[in-house]
Protein backbone atom coordinates (compact mmCIF):
# COMPACT_ATOMS: atom_id res chain seq x y z
CA UNK A 1 -2.43 15.33 15.50
CA UNK A 2 -2.35 18.06 12.87
CA UNK A 3 0.97 18.96 11.23
CA UNK A 4 1.92 21.38 8.48
CA UNK A 5 2.77 19.71 5.21
CA UNK A 6 6.34 20.97 5.40
CA UNK A 7 6.73 19.30 8.83
CA UNK A 8 5.43 16.02 7.43
CA UNK A 9 7.77 16.24 4.47
CA UNK A 10 10.80 17.00 6.66
CA UNK A 11 10.13 14.06 8.97
CA UNK A 12 9.51 11.67 6.07
CA UNK A 13 12.69 12.79 4.32
CA UNK A 14 14.87 12.31 7.38
CA UNK A 15 13.26 8.94 8.19
CA UNK A 16 13.71 7.61 4.65
CA UNK A 17 17.34 8.65 4.66
CA UNK A 18 17.78 7.00 8.05
CA UNK A 19 16.23 3.88 6.56
CA UNK A 20 19.17 3.56 4.18
CA UNK A 21 17.87 5.26 1.05
CA UNK A 22 20.03 7.85 -0.77
CA UNK A 23 19.09 11.50 -0.37
CA UNK A 24 17.52 11.70 -3.84
CA UNK A 25 15.04 8.92 -3.13
CA UNK A 26 14.50 10.28 0.38
CA UNK A 27 13.46 13.60 -1.12
CA UNK A 28 11.14 11.90 -3.61
CA UNK A 29 9.61 9.77 -0.85
CA UNK A 30 9.07 12.78 1.39
CA UNK A 31 7.31 14.74 -1.34
CA UNK A 32 5.11 11.71 -2.02
CA UNK A 33 4.12 11.42 1.66
CA UNK A 34 3.44 15.15 1.79
CA UNK A 35 1.29 14.94 -1.35
CA UNK A 36 -0.77 12.09 0.09
CA UNK A 37 -1.18 13.93 3.39
CA UNK A 38 -2.57 16.94 1.54
CA UNK A 39 -5.43 14.73 0.38
CA UNK A 40 -6.04 13.22 3.81
CA UNK A 41 -4.29 9.96 2.91
CA UNK A 42 -1.98 8.40 5.51
CA UNK A 43 1.16 7.87 3.46
CA UNK A 44 3.30 8.54 6.54
CA UNK A 45 1.97 5.42 8.25
CA UNK A 46 2.69 3.36 5.14
CA UNK A 47 6.21 4.79 4.97
CA UNK A 48 6.85 3.90 8.61
CA UNK A 49 5.71 0.32 7.99
CA UNK A 50 7.77 0.11 4.79
CA UNK A 51 10.96 1.25 6.52
CA UNK A 52 10.45 -1.32 9.27
CA UNK A 53 9.66 -4.09 6.79
CA UNK A 54 12.68 -3.43 4.56
CA UNK A 55 15.11 -2.45 7.32
CA UNK A 56 17.44 -5.39 6.64
CA UNK A 57 16.75 -5.70 2.91
CA UNK A 58 19.26 -4.57 0.30
CA UNK A 59 17.93 -1.93 -2.10
CA UNK A 60 18.93 -4.05 -5.08
CA UNK A 61 16.48 -6.74 -3.93
CA UNK A 62 13.48 -4.37 -4.06
CA UNK A 63 14.46 -2.67 -7.34
CA UNK A 64 12.93 -3.76 -10.69
CA UNK A 65 15.24 -6.01 -12.68
CA UNK A 66 14.26 -4.14 -15.85
CA UNK A 67 11.78 -1.45 -16.87
CA UNK A 68 11.08 -3.24 -20.15
CA UNK A 69 7.84 -5.21 -20.04
CA UNK A 70 6.41 -6.09 -16.63
CA UNK A 71 8.37 -4.95 -13.59
CA UNK A 72 9.62 -7.68 -11.27
CA UNK A 73 12.07 -7.74 -8.37
CA UNK A 74 14.95 -10.09 -7.67
CA UNK A 75 13.61 -11.23 -4.31
CA UNK A 76 10.61 -10.30 -2.20
CA UNK A 77 8.48 -7.31 -3.04
CA UNK A 78 9.24 -4.20 -5.07
CA UNK A 79 9.63 -0.95 -3.14
CA UNK A 80 7.30 1.92 -4.10
CA UNK A 81 10.03 4.36 -3.04
CA UNK A 82 12.19 3.02 -5.87
CA UNK A 83 9.45 2.17 -8.37
CA UNK A 84 7.62 5.49 -7.94
CA UNK A 85 10.25 7.79 -9.49
CA UNK A 86 10.87 5.22 -12.22
CA UNK A 87 7.13 5.18 -12.95
CA UNK A 88 6.92 8.96 -13.35
CA UNK A 89 10.02 8.87 -15.56
CA UNK A 90 8.32 6.22 -17.72
CA UNK A 91 5.20 8.33 -18.23
CA UNK A 92 5.53 8.39 -22.02
CA UNK A 93 5.29 4.59 -22.11
CA UNK A 94 1.74 4.77 -20.76
CA UNK A 95 0.57 6.20 -24.07
CA UNK A 96 1.47 2.84 -25.64
CA UNK A 97 -0.19 0.66 -23.02
CA UNK A 98 -0.29 -0.36 -19.37
CA UNK A 99 2.71 -0.78 -17.08
CA UNK A 100 2.34 -3.70 -14.70
CA UNK A 101 4.32 -3.94 -11.48
CA UNK A 102 4.38 -7.28 -9.68
CA UNK A 103 4.46 -7.70 -5.91
CA UNK A 104 4.69 -4.02 -4.96
CA UNK A 105 4.39 -3.44 -1.22
CA UNK A 106 2.46 -0.40 0.09
CA UNK A 107 1.07 0.40 -3.40
CA UNK A 108 -0.69 3.60 -2.33
CA UNK A 109 2.75 5.24 -2.12
CA UNK A 110 2.87 4.97 -5.93
CA UNK A 111 -0.09 7.33 -6.39
CA UNK A 112 1.86 10.62 -6.09
CA UNK A 113 4.21 9.41 -8.81
CA UNK A 114 1.26 8.44 -11.00
CA UNK A 115 0.09 12.03 -10.52
CA UNK A 116 3.47 13.26 -11.76
CA UNK A 117 3.14 10.99 -14.78
CA UNK A 118 -0.32 12.43 -15.45
CA UNK A 119 1.11 15.94 -15.51
CA UNK A 120 3.86 14.90 -17.90
CA UNK A 121 1.57 13.33 -20.47
CA UNK A 122 -1.38 15.67 -19.92
CA UNK A 123 -3.84 12.88 -19.16
CA UNK A 124 -5.20 11.28 -15.96
CA UNK A 125 -3.43 8.12 -14.80
CA UNK A 126 -5.03 5.31 -12.81
CA UNK A 127 -3.53 2.62 -10.57
CA UNK A 128 -5.45 -0.60 -9.97
CA UNK A 129 -4.78 -3.31 -7.38
CA UNK A 130 -6.90 -5.70 -5.31
CA UNK A 131 -10.18 -3.97 -6.15
CA UNK A 132 -8.76 -0.47 -5.64
CA UNK A 133 -8.91 2.13 -8.39
CA UNK A 134 -6.86 5.21 -7.49
CA UNK A 135 -6.38 7.90 -10.11
CA UNK A 136 -5.15 11.47 -10.48
CA UNK A 137 -4.95 14.16 -13.10
CA UNK A 138 -1.96 15.60 -11.26
CA UNK A 139 -4.02 18.04 -9.21
CA UNK A 140 -6.91 16.11 -7.69
CA UNK A 141 -7.51 12.49 -6.71
CA UNK A 142 -10.24 9.92 -7.15
CA UNK A 143 -10.25 6.67 -5.13
CA UNK A 144 -12.60 3.70 -5.16
CA UNK A 145 -12.04 0.63 -3.00
CA UNK A 146 -12.05 -0.56 0.59
CA UNK A 147 -9.81 1.10 3.15
CA UNK A 148 -8.16 -2.24 3.93
CA UNK A 149 -7.13 -2.76 0.32
CA UNK A 150 -6.14 0.89 -0.11
CA UNK A 151 -3.73 0.75 2.82
CA UNK A 152 -2.43 -2.76 2.21
CA UNK A 153 1.19 -3.28 3.17
CA UNK A 154 1.57 -6.62 1.46
CA UNK A 155 2.66 -7.21 -2.10
CA UNK A 156 0.17 -6.39 -4.83
CA UNK A 157 0.01 -6.59 -8.60
CA UNK A 158 -0.41 -2.98 -9.70
CA UNK A 159 -1.53 -1.96 -13.16
CA UNK A 160 -0.90 1.62 -14.28
CA UNK A 161 -2.86 2.95 -17.26
CA UNK A 162 -4.01 6.19 -18.82
CA UNK A 163 -7.53 7.05 -17.67
CA UNK A 164 -9.83 8.62 -20.25
CA UNK A 165 -12.56 9.58 -17.76
CA UNK A 166 -11.80 11.30 -14.47
CA UNK A 167 -13.75 13.19 -11.81
CA UNK A 168 -11.66 14.31 -8.84
CA UNK A 169 -13.14 13.48 -5.45
CA UNK A 170 -10.39 14.77 -3.18
CA UNK A 171 -9.10 18.32 -3.08
CA UNK A 172 -5.73 19.18 -1.46
CA UNK A 173 -5.52 20.90 1.93
CA UNK A 174 -2.67 22.72 3.68
CA UNK A 175 -2.26 20.41 6.70
CA UNK A 176 -2.15 16.67 7.37
CA UNK A 177 -2.87 14.27 10.22
CA UNK A 178 -0.24 11.99 11.78
CA UNK A 179 -0.81 9.72 14.75
CA UNK A 180 1.61 9.85 17.66
CA UNK A 181 2.50 6.22 16.90
CA UNK A 182 3.47 7.05 13.32
CA UNK A 183 5.59 10.01 14.42
CA UNK A 184 7.43 7.83 16.93
CA UNK A 185 8.04 5.10 14.34
CA UNK A 186 9.41 7.57 11.81
CA UNK A 187 11.58 9.28 14.43
CA UNK A 188 13.37 5.98 15.09
CA UNK A 189 14.65 6.08 11.52
CA UNK A 190 15.03 9.86 11.36
CA UNK A 191 17.47 9.84 14.27
CA UNK A 192 19.73 7.48 12.35
CA UNK A 193 20.31 10.21 9.79
CA UNK A 194 21.98 12.45 12.34
CA UNK A 195 25.71 11.82 12.76
CA UNK A 196 26.80 11.62 16.41
CA UNK A 197 28.64 14.71 17.61
CA UNK A 198 32.28 14.04 18.50
CA UNK A 199 35.03 16.27 19.85
CA UNK A 200 36.50 16.48 16.34
CA UNK A 201 33.18 17.40 14.74
CA UNK A 202 32.63 20.11 17.37
CA UNK A 203 35.99 21.61 16.47
CA UNK A 204 34.80 21.70 12.85
CA UNK A 205 31.65 23.56 13.83
CA UNK A 206 29.04 20.92 14.69
CA UNK A 207 26.79 21.51 17.66
CA UNK A 208 27.38 24.41 20.05
CA UNK A 209 31.19 24.09 20.01
CA UNK A 210 33.61 23.09 22.72
CA UNK A 211 32.85 26.15 24.80
CA UNK A 212 29.15 25.61 25.38
CA UNK A 213 28.04 28.32 27.77
CA UNK A 214 24.32 27.86 27.28
């Protein structure tokens, strides 16, 4: 089903927050999903799978131990929701060589942050994993690789480098496609972000108030 990009972003933001991530990372994640959707890429489905997969995992376990050298986690796979913002913040490092991230789940979710890095350094940035080559100059996208590898949910070794040659293949649109299944999966987490209304909260202004005449 077709959704506006702002609807996709709002749902992704609420779901990520409901999945236990702080609001800052939830906002970053939502913008990443929106960005992917604008290019016809199903980041929302990957986010739904990621939230289910890491539902009982502590954030510290999917965070890089250090950003010096290769990036590794303490246990299990690295989260692209955490690694993505760190990658865009480390954009200047790419001028000195590649950044390698080990065992990153749902690696396609890193692409919007690679695009941010490309804007910061003024040069296209490419991500490579399992035969996939996904790159962006910050405005358009180029992707080579099989759909199965592109949408992998398992851990992958991702190499991020500056790309000297780039021809954009995808142009952004103003709407995105989400399946009913993906919407339902994200709503499970999104509903967690809403605090239950109590008598006390109604007195403080939540909901329709104690005298609900509607």
